[in-house]
């Protein structure tokens, strides 16, 4: 029995020694590393593309509307319609009917911008020179200057607003075509017209005479027509749009009368949104 115990202990010892040397010679095999897969990136929501602005004030076609010629061939047709509205005498004296539709569209658009070149106007520029006078050592817009604009103000007031708007609606496809050709595809001219009218109606009403000045002229050549260079001394007024500055130059009473006509026209063309 003792001999059997010794044999058993010896066998266990040999097994232990063999296992020890095997473990030393063979590196322990670790399970393969599991690659770390980063969680899928969460894509940001797609940017919201603002829809094209809806037409705020659509102009419905009048019943029984006459088929219009293409814009490039419309001068004679437009001249006939405008002459019927204003009268031949006024058309001859005050209006420029070549490219009349394009002139109207360009001028409306420019009245909200810093410059509105007279060469693009549908009317002849007011005759005479811009006049100033001196008050307390400063140049201000002359009180007599407003008289230059009286014929234009009288012309505007004499126009039958409802007839003018009816003609505008009849010719509207031409105005829209001219507006898009200016570089506004998909934009709506009537909306632009109302926005410009609103800007003009918002022209400030400063009290008293308005100081003006000629900017400093540098260089050897001096301009000979200084009356074309006057600007408002107040930077806030000089920073207004070209249309607002025109309303300031025409004088307080003329400005009131023109604003009244603009408000009347706006009411008629803005009502069309509701189909009235």
C-alpha atoms as a PDB file:
ATOM      1  CA  UNK A   1       0.000   0.000   0.000  1.00  0.00           C
ATOM      2  CA  UNK A   2       2.797   2.350   0.838  1.00  0.00           C
ATOM      3  CA  UNK A   3       4.471   1.491  -2.435  1.00  0.00           C
ATOM      4  CA  UNK A   4       1.263   2.384  -4.347  1.00  0.00           C
ATOM      5  CA  UNK A   5       1.063   5.823  -2.621  1.00  0.00           C
ATOM      6  CA  UNK A   6       4.662   6.609  -3.581  1.00  0.00           C
ATOM      7  CA  UNK A   7       3.978   5.683  -7.214  1.00  0.00           C
ATOM      8  CA  UNK A   8       0.853   7.944  -7.287  1.00  0.00           C
ATOM      9  CA  UNK A   9       2.709  10.913  -5.816  1.00  0.00           C
ATOM     10  CA  UNK A  10       5.542  10.463  -8.304  1.00  0.00           C
ATOM     11  CA  UNK A  11       3.140  10.397 -11.263  1.00  0.00           C
ATOM     12  CA  UNK A  12       1.389  13.599 -10.087  1.00  0.00           C
ATOM     13  CA  UNK A  13       4.748  15.313  -9.636  1.00  0.00           C
ATOM     14  CA  UNK A  14       5.847  14.410 -13.166  1.00  0.00           C
ATOM     15  CA  UNK A  15       2.559  15.713 -14.566  1.00  0.00           C
ATOM     16  CA  UNK A  16       2.975  18.975 -12.668  1.00  0.00           C
ATOM     17  CA  UNK A  17       6.575  19.396 -13.848  1.00  0.00           C
ATOM     18  CA  UNK A  18       5.590  18.679 -17.449  1.00  0.00           C
ATOM     19  CA  UNK A  19       2.770  21.173 -17.331  1.00  0.00           C
ATOM     20  CA  UNK A  20       5.092  23.812 -15.872  1.00  0.00           C
ATOM     21  CA  UNK A  21       7.675  23.456 -18.663  1.00  0.00           C
ATOM     22  CA  UNK A  22       4.963  23.365 -21.369  1.00  0.00           C
ATOM     23  CA  UNK A  23       3.419  26.570 -20.139  1.00  0.00           C
ATOM     24  CA  UNK A  24       6.850  28.258 -20.098  1.00  0.00           C
ATOM     25  CA  UNK A  25       7.683  27.249 -23.656  1.00  0.00           C
ATOM     26  CA  UNK A  26       4.302  27.856 -25.300  1.00  0.00           C
ATOM     27  CA  UNK A  27       3.033  31.446 -24.948  1.00  0.00           C
ATOM     28  CA  UNK A  28      -0.454  31.678 -23.716  1.00  0.00           C
ATOM     29  CA  UNK A  29      -2.872  32.013 -26.619  1.00  0.00           C
ATOM     30  CA  UNK A  30      -5.183  34.891 -25.970  1.00  0.00           C
ATOM     31  CA  UNK A  31      -8.458  35.116 -27.814  1.00  0.00           C
ATOM     32  CA  UNK A  32      -8.233  37.311 -30.897  1.00  0.00           C
ATOM     33  CA  UNK A  33      -8.945  40.945 -30.285  1.00  0.00           C
ATOM     34  CA  UNK A  34     -12.375  42.024 -31.323  1.00  0.00           C
ATOM     35  CA  UNK A  35     -12.066  45.148 -33.467  1.00  0.00           C
ATOM     36  CA  UNK A  36     -13.803  48.172 -32.010  1.00  0.00           C
ATOM     37  CA  UNK A  37     -16.337  49.382 -34.515  1.00  0.00           C
ATOM     38  CA  UNK A  38     -17.274  53.007 -33.888  1.00  0.00           C
ATOM     39  CA  UNK A  39     -20.960  53.647 -33.744  1.00  0.00           C
ATOM     40  CA  UNK A  40     -22.355  54.895 -37.043  1.00  0.00           C
ATOM     41  CA  UNK A  41     -22.173  58.635 -37.349  1.00  0.00           C
ATOM     42  CA  UNK A  42     -25.514  60.321 -37.034  1.00  0.00           C
ATOM     43  CA  UNK A  43     -25.935  62.367 -40.166  1.00  0.00           C
ATOM     44  CA  UNK A  44     -27.194  65.887 -39.546  1.00  0.00           C
ATOM     45  CA  UNK A  45     -30.668  66.523 -40.835  1.00  0.00           C
ATOM     46  CA  UNK A  46     -30.641  67.849 -44.383  1.00  0.00           C
ATOM     47  CA  UNK A  47     -30.547  71.602 -44.609  1.00  0.00           C
ATOM     48  CA  UNK A  48     -33.960  73.084 -45.057  1.00  0.00           C
ATOM     49  CA  UNK A  49     -34.150  74.801 -48.406  1.00  0.00           C
ATOM     50  CA  UNK A  50     -36.506  77.729 -48.090  1.00  0.00           C
ATOM     51  CA  UNK A  51     -39.233  77.538 -50.675  1.00  0.00           C
ATOM     52  CA  UNK A  52     -39.516  80.166 -53.313  1.00  0.00           C
ATOM     53  CA  UNK A  53     -41.389  83.109 -51.858  1.00  0.00           C
ATOM     54  CA  UNK A  54     -45.064  82.906 -52.607  1.00  0.00           C
ATOM     55  CA  UNK A  55     -46.649  85.656 -54.632  1.00  0.00           C
ATOM     56  CA  UNK A  56     -48.006  88.105 -52.111  1.00  0.00           C
ATOM     57  CA  UNK A  57     -50.130  90.231 -54.404  1.00  0.00           C
ATOM     58  CA  UNK A  58     -51.071  88.354 -57.573  1.00  0.00           C
ATOM     59  CA  UNK A  59     -52.484  90.296 -60.477  1.00  0.00           C
ATOM     60  CA  UNK A  60     -55.426  88.421 -62.003  1.00  0.00           C
ATOM     61  CA  UNK A  61     -55.938  88.722 -65.724  1.00  0.00           C
ATOM     62  CA  UNK A  62     -58.847  91.049 -66.505  1.00  0.00           C
ATOM     63  CA  UNK A  63     -61.879  89.471 -68.184  1.00  0.00           C
ATOM     64  CA  UNK A  64     -61.782  89.573 -71.959  1.00  0.00           C
ATOM     65  CA  UNK A  65     -58.093  90.452 -71.902  1.00  0.00           C
ATOM     66  CA  UNK A  66     -56.585  91.332 -75.274  1.00  0.00           C
ATOM     67  CA  UNK A  67     -53.771  89.109 -76.489  1.00  0.00           C
ATOM     68  CA  UNK A  68     -50.516  91.005 -75.950  1.00  0.00           C
ATOM     69  CA  UNK A  69     -47.618  91.180 -78.388  1.00  0.00           C
ATOM     70  CA  UNK A  70     -44.190  89.983 -77.200  1.00  0.00           C
ATOM     71  CA  UNK A  71     -42.294  92.505 -75.085  1.00  0.00           C
ATOM     72  CA  UNK A  72     -39.784  93.210 -77.870  1.00  0.00           C
ATOM     73  CA  UNK A  73     -42.626  94.148 -80.226  1.00  0.00           C
ATOM     74  CA  UNK A  74     -44.964  95.873 -77.793  1.00  0.00           C
ATOM     75  CA  UNK A  75     -43.966  99.547 -78.131  1.00  0.00           C
ATOM     76  CA  UNK A  76     -46.688 100.555 -80.584  1.00  0.00           C
ATOM     77  CA  UNK A  77     -49.409  98.716 -78.669  1.00  0.00           C
ATOM     78  CA  UNK A  78     -48.287 100.201 -75.341  1.00  0.00           C
ATOM     79  CA  UNK A  79     -48.041 103.700 -76.818  1.00  0.00           C
ATOM     80  CA  UNK A  80     -51.642 103.477 -77.997  1.00  0.00           C
ATOM     81  CA  UNK A  81     -52.889 102.380 -74.564  1.00  0.00           C
ATOM     82  CA  UNK A  82     -50.840 104.944 -72.614  1.00  0.00           C
ATOM     83  CA  UNK A  83     -51.887 107.746 -74.947  1.00  0.00           C
ATOM     84  CA  UNK A  84     -55.528 106.826 -74.362  1.00  0.00           C
ATOM     85  CA  UNK A  85     -54.947 107.117 -70.610  1.00  0.00           C
ATOM     86  CA  UNK A  86     -52.879 110.320 -70.445  1.00  0.00           C
ATOM     87  CA  UNK A  87     -53.827 112.145 -73.633  1.00  0.00           C
ATOM     88  CA  UNK A  88     -51.652 112.889 -76.636  1.00  0.00           C
ATOM     89  CA  UNK A  89     -50.510 116.283 -75.328  1.00  0.00           C
ATOM     90  CA  UNK A  90     -49.206 114.863 -72.055  1.00  0.00           C
ATOM     91  CA  UNK A  91     -47.575 111.916 -73.763  1.00  0.00           C
ATOM     92  CA  UNK A  92     -45.724 114.189 -76.155  1.00  0.00           C
ATOM     93  CA  UNK A  93     -44.613 116.643 -73.473  1.00  0.00           C
ATOM     94  CA  UNK A  94     -43.849 114.460 -70.485  1.00  0.00           C
ATOM     95  CA  UNK A  95     -43.456 110.763 -71.284  1.00  0.00           C
ATOM     96  CA  UNK A  96     -40.779 108.687 -72.991  1.00  0.00           C
ATOM     97  CA  UNK A  97     -42.626 105.865 -74.700  1.00  0.00           C
ATOM     98  CA  UNK A  98     -39.742 104.052 -76.348  1.00  0.00           C
ATOM     99  CA  UNK A  99     -39.273 100.881 -74.285  1.00  0.00           C
ATOM    100  CA  UNK A 100     -41.899 102.301 -71.923  1.00  0.00           C
ATOM    101  CA  UNK A 101     -42.543  99.034 -70.075  1.00  0.00           C
ATOM    102  CA  UNK A 102     -38.839  98.407 -69.499  1.00  0.00           C
ATOM    103  CA  UNK A 103     -38.394 102.013 -68.354  1.00  0.00           C
ATOM    104  CA  UNK A 104     -41.205 101.698 -65.807  1.00  0.00           C
ATOM    105  CA  UNK A 105     -39.863  98.422 -64.429  1.00  0.00           C
ATOM    106  CA  UNK A 106     -36.252  99.640 -64.209  1.00  0.00           C
ATOM    107  CA  UNK A 107     -37.273 102.910 -62.551  1.00  0.00           C
ATOM    108  CA  UNK A 108     -39.507 101.209 -59.982  1.00  0.00           C
ATOM    109  CA  UNK A 109     -36.682  98.842 -59.104  1.00  0.00           C
ATOM    110  CA  UNK A 110     -34.097 101.642 -58.912  1.00  0.00           C
ATOM    111  CA  UNK A 111     -36.219 103.875 -56.675  1.00  0.00           C
ATOM    112  CA  UNK A 112     -35.411 101.479 -53.837  1.00  0.00           C
ATOM    113  CA  UNK A 113     -31.688 101.619 -54.630  1.00  0.00           C
ATOM    114  CA  UNK A 114     -29.051 104.342 -54.140  1.00  0.00           C
ATOM    115  CA  UNK A 115     -29.306 105.551 -57.750  1.00  0.00           C
ATOM    116  CA  UNK A 116     -32.142 105.898 -60.248  1.00  0.00           C
ATOM    117  CA  UNK A 117     -30.533 107.130 -63.500  1.00  0.00           C
ATOM    118  CA  UNK A 118     -32.817 109.642 -65.265  1.00  0.00           C
ATOM    119  CA  UNK A 119     -31.848 108.082 -68.594  1.00  0.00           C
ATOM    120  CA  UNK A 120     -34.001 105.075 -67.651  1.00  0.00           C
ATOM    121  CA  UNK A 121     -37.063 107.056 -66.504  1.00  0.00           C
ATOM    122  CA  UNK A 122     -40.385 106.792 -68.384  1.00  0.00           C
ATOM    123  CA  UNK A 123     -40.843 110.556 -67.922  1.00  0.00           C
ATOM    124  CA  UNK A 124     -38.740 113.488 -69.007  1.00  0.00           C
ATOM    125  CA  UNK A 125     -36.584 114.877 -66.188  1.00  0.00           C
ATOM    126  CA  UNK A 126     -37.911 117.985 -64.495  1.00  0.00           C
ATOM    127  CA  UNK A 127     -36.672 121.080 -66.360  1.00  0.00           C
ATOM    128  CA  UNK A 128     -34.580 123.714 -64.644  1.00  0.00           C
ATOM    129  CA  UNK A 129     -31.823 123.454 -62.070  1.00  0.00           C
ATOM    130  CA  UNK A 130     -31.804 122.310 -58.506  1.00  0.00           C
ATOM    131  CA  UNK A 131     -31.624 125.489 -56.432  1.00  0.00           C
ATOM    132  CA  UNK A 132     -30.245 126.220 -52.988  1.00  0.00           C
ATOM    133  CA  UNK A 133     -30.195 129.197 -50.661  1.00  0.00           C
ATOM    134  CA  UNK A 134     -28.124 130.159 -47.665  1.00  0.00           C
ATOM    135  CA  UNK A 135     -29.593 130.104 -44.165  1.00  0.00           C
ATOM    136  CA  UNK A 136     -27.375 130.894 -41.171  1.00  0.00           C
ATOM    137  CA  UNK A 137     -24.282 130.295 -43.273  1.00  0.00           C
ATOM    138  CA  UNK A 138     -25.395 126.857 -44.512  1.00  0.00           C
ATOM    139  CA  UNK A 139     -26.707 125.792 -47.898  1.00  0.00           C
ATOM    140  CA  UNK A 140     -30.256 124.428 -47.802  1.00  0.00           C
ATOM    141  CA  UNK A 141     -32.726 123.340 -50.470  1.00  0.00           C
ATOM    142  CA  UNK A 142     -34.264 126.517 -51.844  1.00  0.00           C
ATOM    143  CA  UNK A 143     -37.900 127.187 -51.038  1.00  0.00           C
ATOM    144  CA  UNK A 144     -38.532 128.047 -54.700  1.00  0.00           C
ATOM    145  CA  UNK A 145     -37.157 124.673 -55.781  1.00  0.00           C
ATOM    146  CA  UNK A 146     -40.495 122.966 -55.116  1.00  0.00           C
ATOM    147  CA  UNK A 147     -42.081 124.993 -57.928  1.00  0.00           C
ATOM    148  CA  UNK A 148     -40.056 123.006 -60.482  1.00  0.00           C
ATOM    149  CA  UNK A 149     -41.942 119.868 -59.524  1.00  0.00           C
ATOM    150  CA  UNK A 150     -45.464 121.301 -59.550  1.00  0.00           C
ATOM    151  CA  UNK A 151     -46.231 120.269 -63.164  1.00  0.00           C
ATOM    152  CA  UNK A 152     -45.174 116.681 -62.416  1.00  0.00           C
ATOM    153  CA  UNK A 153     -47.223 116.548 -59.229  1.00  0.00           C
ATOM    154  CA  UNK A 154     -50.237 117.946 -61.090  1.00  0.00           C
ATOM    155  CA  UNK A 155     -49.787 115.299 -63.812  1.00  0.00           C
ATOM    156  CA  UNK A 156     -49.702 112.489 -61.247  1.00  0.00           C
ATOM    157  CA  UNK A 157     -52.791 113.793 -59.445  1.00  0.00           C
ATOM    158  CA  UNK A 158     -54.718 114.171 -62.688  1.00  0.00           C
ATOM    159  CA  UNK A 159     -54.384 110.485 -63.586  1.00  0.00           C
ATOM    160  CA  UNK A 160     -57.503 108.460 -62.881  1.00  0.00           C
ATOM    161  CA  UNK A 161     -56.133 105.857 -60.471  1.00  0.00           C
ATOM    162  CA  UNK A 162     -58.699 103.183 -61.301  1.00  0.00           C
ATOM    163  CA  UNK A 163     -58.119 103.545 -65.045  1.00  0.00           C
ATOM    164  CA  UNK A 164     -54.364 103.494 -64.518  1.00  0.00           C
ATOM    165  CA  UNK A 165     -54.580 100.306 -62.473  1.00  0.00           C
ATOM    166  CA  UNK A 166     -56.880  98.724 -65.060  1.00  0.00           C
ATOM    167  CA  UNK A 167     -54.274  99.445 -67.758  1.00  0.00           C
ATOM    168  CA  UNK A 168     -51.538  98.133 -65.478  1.00  0.00           C
ATOM    169  CA  UNK A 169     -53.446  94.883 -65.059  1.00  0.00           C
ATOM    170  CA  UNK A 170     -53.987  94.609 -68.803  1.00  0.00           C
ATOM    171  CA  UNK A 171     -50.276  95.124 -69.527  1.00  0.00           C
ATOM    172  CA  UNK A 172     -49.046  93.164 -66.516  1.00  0.00           C
ATOM    173  CA  UNK A 173     -47.597  90.183 -68.467  1.00  0.00           C
ATOM    174  CA  UNK A 174     -45.305  92.679 -70.218  1.00  0.00           C
ATOM    175  CA  UNK A 175     -44.218  94.229 -66.913  1.00  0.00           C
ATOM    176  CA  UNK A 176     -43.552  90.773 -65.501  1.00  0.00           C
ATOM    177  CA  UNK A 177     -41.519  89.770 -68.543  1.00  0.00           C
ATOM    178  CA  UNK A 178     -39.462  92.965 -68.349  1.00  0.00           C
ATOM    179  CA  UNK A 179     -38.843  92.426 -64.636  1.00  0.00           C
ATOM    180  CA  UNK A 180     -37.595  88.883 -65.145  1.00  0.00           C
ATOM    181  CA  UNK A 181     -35.332  90.078 -67.954  1.00  0.00           C
ATOM    182  CA  UNK A 182     -33.673  92.458 -65.476  1.00  0.00           C
ATOM    183  CA  UNK A 183     -32.318  89.402 -63.680  1.00  0.00           C
ATOM    184  CA  UNK A 184     -35.200  88.365 -61.428  1.00  0.00           C
ATOM    185  CA  UNK A 185     -36.453  85.054 -62.833  1.00  0.00           C
ATOM    186  CA  UNK A 186     -39.235  83.646 -60.713  1.00  0.00           C
ATOM    187  CA  UNK A 187     -39.769  86.951 -58.890  1.00  0.00           C
ATOM    188  CA  UNK A 188     -43.000  88.884 -59.091  1.00  0.00           C
ATOM    189  CA  UNK A 189     -43.026  92.503 -60.242  1.00  0.00           C
ATOM    190  CA  UNK A 190     -46.237  93.498 -58.504  1.00  0.00           C
ATOM    191  CA  UNK A 191     -44.746  92.439 -55.159  1.00  0.00           C
ATOM    192  CA  UNK A 192     -41.696  94.564 -55.908  1.00  0.00           C
ATOM    193  CA  UNK A 193     -43.874  97.521 -56.877  1.00  0.00           C
ATOM    194  CA  UNK A 194     -45.797  97.378 -53.606  1.00  0.00           C
ATOM    195  CA  UNK A 195     -42.578  97.018 -51.600  1.00  0.00           C
ATOM    196  CA  UNK A 196     -41.158 100.131 -53.306  1.00  0.00           C
ATOM    197  CA  UNK A 197     -44.376 102.089 -52.710  1.00  0.00           C
ATOM    198  CA  UNK A 198     -44.188 101.130 -49.031  1.00  0.00           C
ATOM    199  CA  UNK A 199     -40.594 102.361 -48.909  1.00  0.00           C
ATOM    200  CA  UNK A 200     -41.577 105.690 -50.472  1.00  0.00           C
ATOM    201  CA  UNK A 201     -44.499 106.102 -48.092  1.00  0.00           C
ATOM    202  CA  UNK A 202     -42.020 105.562 -45.263  1.00  0.00           C
ATOM    203  CA  UNK A 203     -39.919 108.545 -46.353  1.00  0.00           C
ATOM    204  CA  UNK A 204     -39.154 110.613 -43.238  1.00  0.00           C
ATOM    205  CA  UNK A 205     -40.720 114.007 -42.705  1.00  0.00           C
ATOM    206  CA  UNK A 206     -37.894 116.206 -41.400  1.00  0.00           C
ATOM    207  CA  UNK A 207     -38.820 119.602 -40.031  1.00  0.00           C
ATOM    208  CA  UNK A 208     -37.376 122.790 -41.432  1.00  0.00           C
ATOM    209  CA  UNK A 209     -35.022 123.451 -44.307  1.00  0.00           C
ATOM    210  CA  UNK A 210     -32.785 120.575 -45.383  1.00  0.00           C
ATOM    211  CA  UNK A 211     -29.031 121.344 -45.445  1.00  0.00           C
ATOM    212  CA  UNK A 212     -27.168 120.198 -48.537  1.00  0.00           C
ATOM    213  CA  UNK A 213     -23.542 120.335 -49.612  1.00  0.00           C
ATOM    214  CA  UNK A 214     -21.254 119.705 -52.543  1.00  0.00           C
ATOM    215  CA  UNK A 215     -18.688 116.982 -51.831  1.00  0.00           C
ATOM    216  CA  UNK A 216     -15.023 117.918 -51.828  1.00  0.00           C
ATOM    217  CA  UNK A 217     -13.685 117.959 -55.380  1.00  0.00           C
ATOM    218  CA  UNK A 218     -10.139 116.655 -55.747  1.00  0.00           C
ATOM    219  CA  UNK A 219      -7.982 116.825 -58.814  1.00  0.00           C
ATOM    220  CA  UNK A 220      -7.281 119.530 -61.366  1.00  0.00           C
ATOM    221  CA  UNK A 221     -10.601 119.214 -63.213  1.00  0.00           C
ATOM    222  CA  UNK A 222     -13.486 121.017 -61.569  1.00  0.00           C
ATOM    223  CA  UNK A 223     -17.110 120.218 -62.521  1.00  0.00           C
ATOM    224  CA  UNK A 224     -19.007 123.005 -64.222  1.00  0.00           C
ATOM    225  CA  UNK A 225     -22.506 121.854 -63.174  1.00  0.00           C
ATOM    226  CA  UNK A 226     -22.269 121.856 -59.414  1.00  0.00           C
ATOM    227  CA  UNK A 227     -26.064 121.793 -59.011  1.00  0.00           C
ATOM    228  CA  UNK A 228     -25.940 118.135 -60.032  1.00  0.00           C
ATOM    229  CA  UNK A 229     -23.585 117.224 -57.193  1.00  0.00           C
ATOM    230  CA  UNK A 230     -25.486 118.430 -54.139  1.00  0.00           C
ATOM    231  CA  UNK A 231     -26.094 115.853 -51.454  1.00  0.00           C
ATOM    232  CA  UNK A 232     -27.786 115.954 -48.044  1.00  0.00           C
ATOM    233  CA  UNK A 233     -25.489 117.047 -45.240  1.00  0.00           C
ATOM    234  CA  UNK A 234     -27.234 114.678 -42.828  1.00  0.00           C
ATOM    235  CA  UNK A 235     -25.734 111.189 -43.428  1.00  0.00           C
ATOM    236  CA  UNK A 236     -29.026 109.566 -42.384  1.00  0.00           C
ATOM    237  CA  UNK A 237     -30.885 111.399 -45.158  1.00  0.00           C
ATOM    238  CA  UNK A 238     -28.125 110.848 -47.694  1.00  0.00           C
ATOM    239  CA  UNK A 239     -28.274 107.133 -46.919  1.00  0.00           C
ATOM    240  CA  UNK A 240     -31.916 106.873 -47.992  1.00  0.00           C
ATOM    241  CA  UNK A 241     -32.923 105.314 -51.294  1.00  0.00           C
ATOM    242  CA  UNK A 242     -32.965 107.380 -54.474  1.00  0.00           C
ATOM    243  CA  UNK A 243     -36.771 107.514 -54.468  1.00  0.00           C
ATOM    244  CA  UNK A 244     -36.931 108.716 -50.879  1.00  0.00           C
ATOM    245  CA  UNK A 245     -34.377 111.439 -51.598  1.00  0.00           C
ATOM    246  CA  UNK A 246     -36.415 112.580 -54.587  1.00  0.00           C
ATOM    247  CA  UNK A 247     -39.451 112.927 -52.320  1.00  0.00           C
ATOM    248  CA  UNK A 248     -37.375 115.004 -49.908  1.00  0.00           C
ATOM    249  CA  UNK A 249     -36.158 117.292 -52.687  1.00  0.00           C
ATOM    250  CA  UNK A 250     -39.625 118.056 -54.080  1.00  0.00           C
ATOM    251  CA  UNK A 251     -40.686 119.882 -50.924  1.00  0.00           C
ATOM    252  CA  UNK A 252     -43.074 119.194 -48.078  1.00  0.00           C
ATOM    253  CA  UNK A 253     -46.383 119.947 -49.802  1.00  0.00           C
ATOM    254  CA  UNK A 254     -45.469 118.140 -53.027  1.00  0.00           C
ATOM    255  CA  UNK A 255     -44.302 115.165 -50.980  1.00  0.00           C
ATOM    256  CA  UNK A 256     -47.622 115.036 -49.147  1.00  0.00           C
ATOM    257  CA  UNK A 257     -49.580 115.061 -52.399  1.00  0.00           C
ATOM    258  CA  UNK A 258     -47.415 112.391 -54.028  1.00  0.00           C
ATOM    259  CA  UNK A 259     -47.626 110.151 -50.964  1.00  0.00           C
ATOM    260  CA  UNK A 260     -51.402 110.468 -51.035  1.00  0.00           C
ATOM    261  CA  UNK A 261     -51.493 109.290 -54.672  1.00  0.00           C
ATOM    262  CA  UNK A 262     -49.080 106.452 -53.928  1.00  0.00           C
ATOM    263  CA  UNK A 263     -51.267 105.258 -51.054  1.00  0.00           C
ATOM    264  CA  UNK A 264     -54.303 105.335 -53.345  1.00  0.00           C
ATOM    265  CA  UNK A 265     -52.541 103.264 -56.015  1.00  0.00           C
ATOM    266  CA  UNK A 266     -51.211 100.825 -53.447  1.00  0.00           C
ATOM    267  CA  UNK A 267     -54.670 100.183 -52.085  1.00  0.00           C
ATOM    268  CA  UNK A 268     -55.950  99.318 -55.545  1.00  0.00           C
ATOM    269  CA  UNK A 269     -53.152  96.945 -56.573  1.00  0.00           C
ATOM    270  CA  UNK A 270     -52.813  95.310 -53.143  1.00  0.00           C
ATOM    271  CA  UNK A 271     -56.525  94.549 -52.970  1.00  0.00           C
ATOM    272  CA  UNK A 272     -56.052  92.118 -55.825  1.00  0.00           C
ATOM    273  CA  UNK A 273     -54.611  89.586 -53.360  1.00  0.00           C
ATOM    274  CA  UNK A 274     -58.130  88.895 -52.163  1.00  0.00           C
ATOM    275  CA  UNK A 275     -59.580  89.137 -55.625  1.00  0.00           C
ATOM    276  CA  UNK A 276     -61.487  92.278 -54.895  1.00  0.00           C
END
